[in-house]
Amino acid sequence: MNRLKAAVVALVGASAGLVTLSGGGSPAQIAAAVVAGLAVGAVLLAYLVRIA
């Protein structure tokens, strides 16, 4: 179950990075988007675990 949770967080982070990459972002912007995406993914996961 923990691996699935980590995969969900990683998927959200990678998605944010890929969207930034496709928009022509610089490497710093892509890295910032991945970090922000991981943070958002962690918050989303915490919310989903709480309501389940």
N, C-alpha and C. Protein backbone atom coordinates (compact mmCIF):
# COMPACT_ATOMS: atom_id res chain seq x y z
N MET A 1 0.82 -1.20 0.00
CA MET A 1 0.00 0.00 0.00
C MET A 1 0.87 1.26 0.00
N ASN A 2 2.00 1.22 0.73
CA ASN A 2 2.87 2.39 0.78
C ASN A 2 3.50 2.67 -0.58
N ARG A 3 3.78 1.60 -1.33
CA ARG A 3 4.34 1.80 -2.67
C ARG A 3 3.33 2.46 -3.58
N LEU A 4 2.07 2.13 -3.44
CA LEU A 4 1.02 2.75 -4.24
C LEU A 4 0.89 4.23 -3.89
N LYS A 5 0.96 4.55 -2.62
CA LYS A 5 0.88 5.95 -2.18
C LYS A 5 2.06 6.74 -2.74
N ALA A 6 3.25 6.17 -2.68
CA ALA A 6 4.43 6.85 -3.22
C ALA A 6 4.30 7.03 -4.72
N ALA A 7 3.73 6.06 -5.40
CA ALA A 7 3.55 6.15 -6.85
C ALA A 7 2.58 7.26 -7.21
N VAL A 8 1.53 7.43 -6.43
CA VAL A 8 0.56 8.50 -6.69
C VAL A 8 1.23 9.86 -6.54
N VAL A 9 2.01 10.04 -5.48
CA VAL A 9 2.71 11.30 -5.26
C VAL A 9 3.71 11.55 -6.38
N ALA A 10 4.45 10.52 -6.77
CA ALA A 10 5.43 10.66 -7.85
C ALA A 10 4.76 10.98 -9.18
N LEU A 11 3.61 10.40 -9.43
CA LEU A 11 2.88 10.66 -10.66
C LEU A 11 2.46 12.12 -10.75
N VAL A 12 1.97 12.66 -9.66
CA VAL A 12 1.55 14.07 -9.66
C VAL A 12 2.77 14.97 -9.88
N GLY A 13 3.87 14.66 -9.20
CA GLY A 13 5.09 15.46 -9.37
C GLY A 13 5.64 15.39 -10.78
N ALA A 14 5.68 14.20 -11.34
CA ALA A 14 6.19 14.03 -12.71
C ALA A 14 5.28 14.73 -13.72
N SER A 15 4.00 14.67 -13.47
CA SER A 15 3.06 15.32 -14.37
C SER A 15 3.30 16.83 -14.41
N ALA A 16 3.51 17.42 -13.24
CA ALA A 16 3.78 18.86 -13.20
C ALA A 16 5.06 19.20 -13.95
N GLY A 17 6.07 18.38 -13.79
CA GLY A 17 7.32 18.60 -14.51
C GLY A 17 7.17 18.46 -16.01
N LEU A 18 6.42 17.47 -16.44
CA LEU A 18 6.22 17.26 -17.88
C LEU A 18 5.40 18.38 -18.51
N VAL A 19 4.42 18.89 -17.80
CA VAL A 19 3.63 20.01 -18.32
C VAL A 19 4.54 21.24 -18.49
N THR A 20 5.40 21.47 -17.49
CA THR A 20 6.32 22.60 -17.58
C THR A 20 7.32 22.39 -18.72
N LEU A 21 7.79 21.19 -18.89
CA LEU A 21 8.72 20.88 -19.98
C LEU A 21 8.07 21.12 -21.33
N SER A 22 6.84 20.69 -21.49
CA SER A 22 6.15 20.86 -22.77
C SER A 22 5.83 22.33 -23.04
N GLY A 23 5.77 23.13 -21.98
CA GLY A 23 5.53 24.56 -22.15
C GLY A 23 6.81 25.34 -22.42
N GLY A 24 7.95 24.66 -22.47
CA GLY A 24 9.20 25.33 -22.79
C GLY A 24 9.88 25.95 -21.59
N GLY A 25 9.66 25.39 -20.42
CA GLY A 25 10.27 25.94 -19.22
C GLY A 25 11.76 25.65 -19.13
N SER A 26 12.44 26.50 -18.38
CA SER A 26 13.87 26.29 -18.15
C SER A 26 14.06 25.13 -17.16
N PRO A 27 15.28 24.61 -17.07
CA PRO A 27 15.51 23.52 -16.10
C PRO A 27 15.15 23.90 -14.66
N ALA A 28 15.39 25.15 -14.28
CA ALA A 28 15.03 25.59 -12.93
C ALA A 28 13.51 25.59 -12.74
N GLN A 29 12.80 26.02 -13.76
CA GLN A 29 11.34 26.03 -13.69
C GLN A 29 10.78 24.62 -13.64
N ILE A 30 11.39 23.72 -14.39
CA ILE A 30 10.94 22.33 -14.39
C ILE A 30 11.17 21.71 -13.02
N ALA A 31 12.35 21.96 -12.44
CA ALA A 31 12.64 21.44 -11.10
C ALA A 31 11.68 22.01 -10.07
N ALA A 32 11.38 23.29 -10.17
CA ALA A 32 10.44 23.91 -9.23
C ALA A 32 9.05 23.32 -9.39
N ALA A 33 8.65 23.05 -10.61
CA ALA A 33 7.34 22.46 -10.86
C ALA A 33 7.26 21.04 -10.29
N VAL A 34 8.33 20.28 -10.43
CA VAL A 34 8.34 18.92 -9.88
C VAL A 34 8.23 18.96 -8.36
N VAL A 35 9.00 19.85 -7.73
CA VAL A 35 8.95 19.96 -6.27
C VAL A 35 7.56 20.40 -5.82
N ALA A 36 7.00 21.40 -6.49
CA ALA A 36 5.65 21.85 -6.15
C ALA A 36 4.63 20.74 -6.40
N GLY A 37 4.80 20.00 -7.49
CA GLY A 37 3.90 18.89 -7.78
C GLY A 37 3.97 17.79 -6.74
N LEU A 38 5.17 17.52 -6.25
CA LEU A 38 5.31 16.51 -5.18
C LEU A 38 4.62 16.98 -3.90
N ALA A 39 4.74 18.27 -3.61
CA ALA A 39 4.08 18.81 -2.43
C ALA A 39 2.56 18.73 -2.57
N VAL A 40 2.07 19.09 -3.73
CA VAL A 40 0.62 19.01 -3.97
C VAL A 40 0.16 17.56 -3.93
N GLY A 41 0.95 16.66 -4.50
CA GLY A 41 0.61 15.24 -4.46
C GLY A 41 0.55 14.70 -3.05
N ALA A 42 1.46 15.13 -2.20
CA ALA A 42 1.45 14.68 -0.81
C ALA A 42 0.21 15.19 -0.07
N VAL A 43 -0.14 16.45 -0.32
CA VAL A 43 -1.34 17.01 0.31
C VAL A 43 -2.59 16.29 -0.20
N LEU A 44 -2.65 16.03 -1.49
CA LEU A 44 -3.79 15.31 -2.07
C LEU A 44 -3.90 13.91 -1.48
N LEU A 45 -2.77 13.23 -1.35
CA LEU A 45 -2.78 11.88 -0.79
C LEU A 45 -3.25 11.91 0.67
N ALA A 46 -2.77 12.87 1.44
CA ALA A 46 -3.19 12.98 2.84
C ALA A 46 -4.69 13.20 2.93
N TYR A 47 -5.21 14.02 2.05
CA TYR A 47 -6.66 14.26 2.04
C TYR A 47 -7.43 13.00 1.67
N LEU A 48 -6.97 12.30 0.64
CA LEU A 48 -7.66 11.08 0.24
C LEU A 48 -7.62 10.01 1.29
N VAL A 49 -6.50 9.87 1.99
CA VAL A 49 -6.39 8.88 3.06
C VAL A 49 -7.31 9.25 4.21
N ARG A 50 -7.41 10.55 4.48
CA ARG A 50 -8.25 11.00 5.60
C ARG A 50 -9.74 10.74 5.36
N ILE A 51 -10.19 10.97 4.11
CA ILE A 51 -11.62 10.80 3.85
C ILE A 51 -12.00 9.35 3.60
N ALA A 52 -11.00 8.49 3.35
CA ALA A 52 -11.30 7.09 3.06
C ALA A 52 -11.56 6.29 4.33
